[in-house]
């Protein structure tokens, strides 16, 4: 797993469902399958930022899948990521500014 805390790397912005499940964040289900289901139901893959860029992308590396930008996550999850140092704190950490659902 490429999480900042685990590897000492810079904070990240993109997360797979498996990474989110492992992080056990508030406001999110605790397993990969349930996170994937919630992402589908809430249309995370169709959300865009203020510039119109999608907030989901194909995952690089073995196994494929999708990575989601932290901006699609519920506020409690983003705040916890920033608190843990996994996500760089930004103005967006406190709210849903700039996220557009298609």
C-alpha atoms as a PDB file:
ATOM      1  CA  UNK A   1       0.000   0.000   0.000  1.00  0.00           C
ATOM      2  CA  UNK A   2       1.324   3.445  -0.916  1.00  0.00           C
ATOM      3  CA  UNK A   3      -0.113   5.349   2.019  1.00  0.00           C
ATOM      4  CA  UNK A   4       1.955   8.269   3.243  1.00  0.00           C
ATOM      5  CA  UNK A   5       2.176   7.057   6.828  1.00  0.00           C
ATOM      6  CA  UNK A   6       3.194   3.544   5.862  1.00  0.00           C
ATOM      7  CA  UNK A   7       5.968   4.569   3.474  1.00  0.00           C
ATOM      8  CA  UNK A   8       7.067   8.012   4.575  1.00  0.00           C
ATOM      9  CA  UNK A   9       6.051   9.405   1.176  1.00  0.00           C
ATOM     10  CA  UNK A  10       4.355  12.713   0.585  1.00  0.00           C
ATOM     11  CA  UNK A  11       0.635  12.852   1.395  1.00  0.00           C
ATOM     12  CA  UNK A  12      -1.616  11.429  -1.300  1.00  0.00           C
ATOM     13  CA  UNK A  13      -4.892  12.582  -2.839  1.00  0.00           C
ATOM     14  CA  UNK A  14      -6.048   9.421  -4.687  1.00  0.00           C
ATOM     15  CA  UNK A  15      -7.254   6.241  -2.955  1.00  0.00           C
ATOM     16  CA  UNK A  16      -8.516   2.833  -4.033  1.00  0.00           C
ATOM     17  CA  UNK A  17     -11.498   1.244  -2.300  1.00  0.00           C
ATOM     18  CA  UNK A  18      -9.104  -1.219  -0.634  1.00  0.00           C
ATOM     19  CA  UNK A  19      -6.960   1.624   0.743  1.00  0.00           C
ATOM     20  CA  UNK A  20     -10.032   3.424   2.071  1.00  0.00           C
ATOM     21  CA  UNK A  21     -11.251   0.242   3.758  1.00  0.00           C
ATOM     22  CA  UNK A  22      -7.853  -0.334   5.373  1.00  0.00           C
ATOM     23  CA  UNK A  23      -7.845   3.216   6.718  1.00  0.00           C
ATOM     24  CA  UNK A  24     -11.194   2.640   8.500  1.00  0.00           C
ATOM     25  CA  UNK A  25     -12.322   6.244   8.103  1.00  0.00           C
ATOM     26  CA  UNK A  26     -15.351   7.808   9.776  1.00  0.00           C
ATOM     27  CA  UNK A  27     -18.316   8.196   7.472  1.00  0.00           C
ATOM     28  CA  UNK A  28     -17.270   5.283   5.233  1.00  0.00           C
ATOM     29  CA  UNK A  29     -18.045   1.562   5.321  1.00  0.00           C
ATOM     30  CA  UNK A  30     -15.298  -0.662   6.685  1.00  0.00           C
ATOM     31  CA  UNK A  31     -14.807  -3.061   3.779  1.00  0.00           C
ATOM     32  CA  UNK A  32     -13.796  -2.740   0.126  1.00  0.00           C
ATOM     33  CA  UNK A  33     -17.011  -4.176  -1.300  1.00  0.00           C
ATOM     34  CA  UNK A  34     -19.214  -1.769   0.674  1.00  0.00           C
ATOM     35  CA  UNK A  35     -17.050   1.207  -0.264  1.00  0.00           C
ATOM     36  CA  UNK A  36     -17.283   0.206  -3.936  1.00  0.00           C
ATOM     37  CA  UNK A  37     -21.070  -0.095  -3.604  1.00  0.00           C
ATOM     38  CA  UNK A  38     -21.326   3.327  -1.951  1.00  0.00           C
ATOM     39  CA  UNK A  39     -19.103   4.868  -4.643  1.00  0.00           C
ATOM     40  CA  UNK A  40     -21.423   3.435  -7.309  1.00  0.00           C
ATOM     41  CA  UNK A  41     -24.612   4.575  -5.519  1.00  0.00           C
ATOM     42  CA  UNK A  42     -23.259   8.093  -4.912  1.00  0.00           C
ATOM     43  CA  UNK A  43     -21.735   8.276  -8.407  1.00  0.00           C
ATOM     44  CA  UNK A  44     -18.241   9.171  -7.226  1.00  0.00           C
ATOM     45  CA  UNK A  45     -16.862   8.346 -10.684  1.00  0.00           C
ATOM     46  CA  UNK A  46     -19.070  11.048 -12.250  1.00  0.00           C
ATOM     47  CA  UNK A  47     -18.077  13.855  -9.882  1.00  0.00           C
ATOM     48  CA  UNK A  48     -15.814  16.610 -11.166  1.00  0.00           C
ATOM     49  CA  UNK A  49     -13.781  19.389  -9.639  1.00  0.00           C
ATOM     50  CA  UNK A  50     -14.259  23.102 -10.341  1.00  0.00           C
ATOM     51  CA  UNK A  51     -12.209  22.772 -13.555  1.00  0.00           C
ATOM     52  CA  UNK A  52     -14.376  19.910 -14.828  1.00  0.00           C
ATOM     53  CA  UNK A  53     -11.772  17.185 -14.207  1.00  0.00           C
ATOM     54  CA  UNK A  54     -13.138  13.829 -13.079  1.00  0.00           C
ATOM     55  CA  UNK A  55     -12.463  12.889  -9.467  1.00  0.00           C
ATOM     56  CA  UNK A  56     -11.994   9.206 -10.347  1.00  0.00           C
ATOM     57  CA  UNK A  57      -9.315   7.619 -12.494  1.00  0.00           C
ATOM     58  CA  UNK A  58      -8.094   4.184 -13.521  1.00  0.00           C
ATOM     59  CA  UNK A  59      -5.765   2.747 -10.908  1.00  0.00           C
ATOM     60  CA  UNK A  60      -2.195   2.248 -12.049  1.00  0.00           C
ATOM     61  CA  UNK A  61      -0.416  -0.980 -11.408  1.00  0.00           C
ATOM     62  CA  UNK A  62      -1.357  -4.580 -10.939  1.00  0.00           C
ATOM     63  CA  UNK A  63      -5.028  -5.397 -10.528  1.00  0.00           C
ATOM     64  CA  UNK A  64      -6.472  -2.266 -12.078  1.00  0.00           C
ATOM     65  CA  UNK A  65      -9.619  -0.814 -10.595  1.00  0.00           C
ATOM     66  CA  UNK A  66     -10.476   2.793  -9.850  1.00  0.00           C
ATOM     67  CA  UNK A  67      -8.921   5.392  -7.586  1.00  0.00           C
ATOM     68  CA  UNK A  68     -11.017   8.177  -6.113  1.00  0.00           C
ATOM     69  CA  UNK A  69      -9.842  11.670  -5.266  1.00  0.00           C
ATOM     70  CA  UNK A  70     -10.210  12.599  -1.614  1.00  0.00           C
ATOM     71  CA  UNK A  71     -12.670  15.361  -2.577  1.00  0.00           C
ATOM     72  CA  UNK A  72     -15.410  12.765  -3.249  1.00  0.00           C
ATOM     73  CA  UNK A  73     -15.198  11.451   0.318  1.00  0.00           C
ATOM     74  CA  UNK A  74     -17.498  12.638   3.100  1.00  0.00           C
ATOM     75  CA  UNK A  75     -16.133  15.506   5.193  1.00  0.00           C
ATOM     76  CA  UNK A  76     -15.445  13.364   8.310  1.00  0.00           C
ATOM     77  CA  UNK A  77     -13.261  11.029   6.216  1.00  0.00           C
ATOM     78  CA  UNK A  78     -11.313  13.920   4.640  1.00  0.00           C
ATOM     79  CA  UNK A  79     -10.775  15.540   8.011  1.00  0.00           C
ATOM     80  CA  UNK A  80      -9.476  12.273   9.468  1.00  0.00           C
ATOM     81  CA  UNK A  81      -7.118  11.787   6.507  1.00  0.00           C
ATOM     82  CA  UNK A  82      -5.699  15.273   7.081  1.00  0.00           C
ATOM     83  CA  UNK A  83      -5.436  14.645  10.835  1.00  0.00           C
ATOM     84  CA  UNK A  84      -3.428  11.477  10.204  1.00  0.00           C
ATOM     85  CA  UNK A  85      -1.168  13.276   7.735  1.00  0.00           C
ATOM     86  CA  UNK A  86      -2.230  11.039   4.858  1.00  0.00           C
ATOM     87  CA  UNK A  87      -3.944  13.931   3.057  1.00  0.00           C
ATOM     88  CA  UNK A  88      -2.425  17.382   2.862  1.00  0.00           C
ATOM     89  CA  UNK A  89      -4.730  19.816   4.689  1.00  0.00           C
ATOM     90  CA  UNK A  90      -6.499  22.225   2.309  1.00  0.00           C
ATOM     91  CA  UNK A  91      -9.477  24.519   2.340  1.00  0.00           C
ATOM     92  CA  UNK A  92     -11.493  21.711   0.711  1.00  0.00           C
ATOM     93  CA  UNK A  93     -10.862  19.421   3.696  1.00  0.00           C
ATOM     94  CA  UNK A  94     -13.635  21.146   5.583  1.00  0.00           C
ATOM     95  CA  UNK A  95     -16.378  21.015   2.976  1.00  0.00           C
ATOM     96  CA  UNK A  96     -17.574  20.036  -0.462  1.00  0.00           C
ATOM     97  CA  UNK A  97     -16.521  23.193  -2.302  1.00  0.00           C
ATOM     98  CA  UNK A  98     -15.677  22.657  -5.928  1.00  0.00           C
ATOM     99  CA  UNK A  99     -17.189  19.181  -6.287  1.00  0.00           C
ATOM    100  CA  UNK A 100     -19.825  18.869  -8.985  1.00  0.00           C
ATOM    101  CA  UNK A 101     -22.036  15.823  -9.494  1.00  0.00           C
ATOM    102  CA  UNK A 102     -23.113  15.084 -13.049  1.00  0.00           C
END
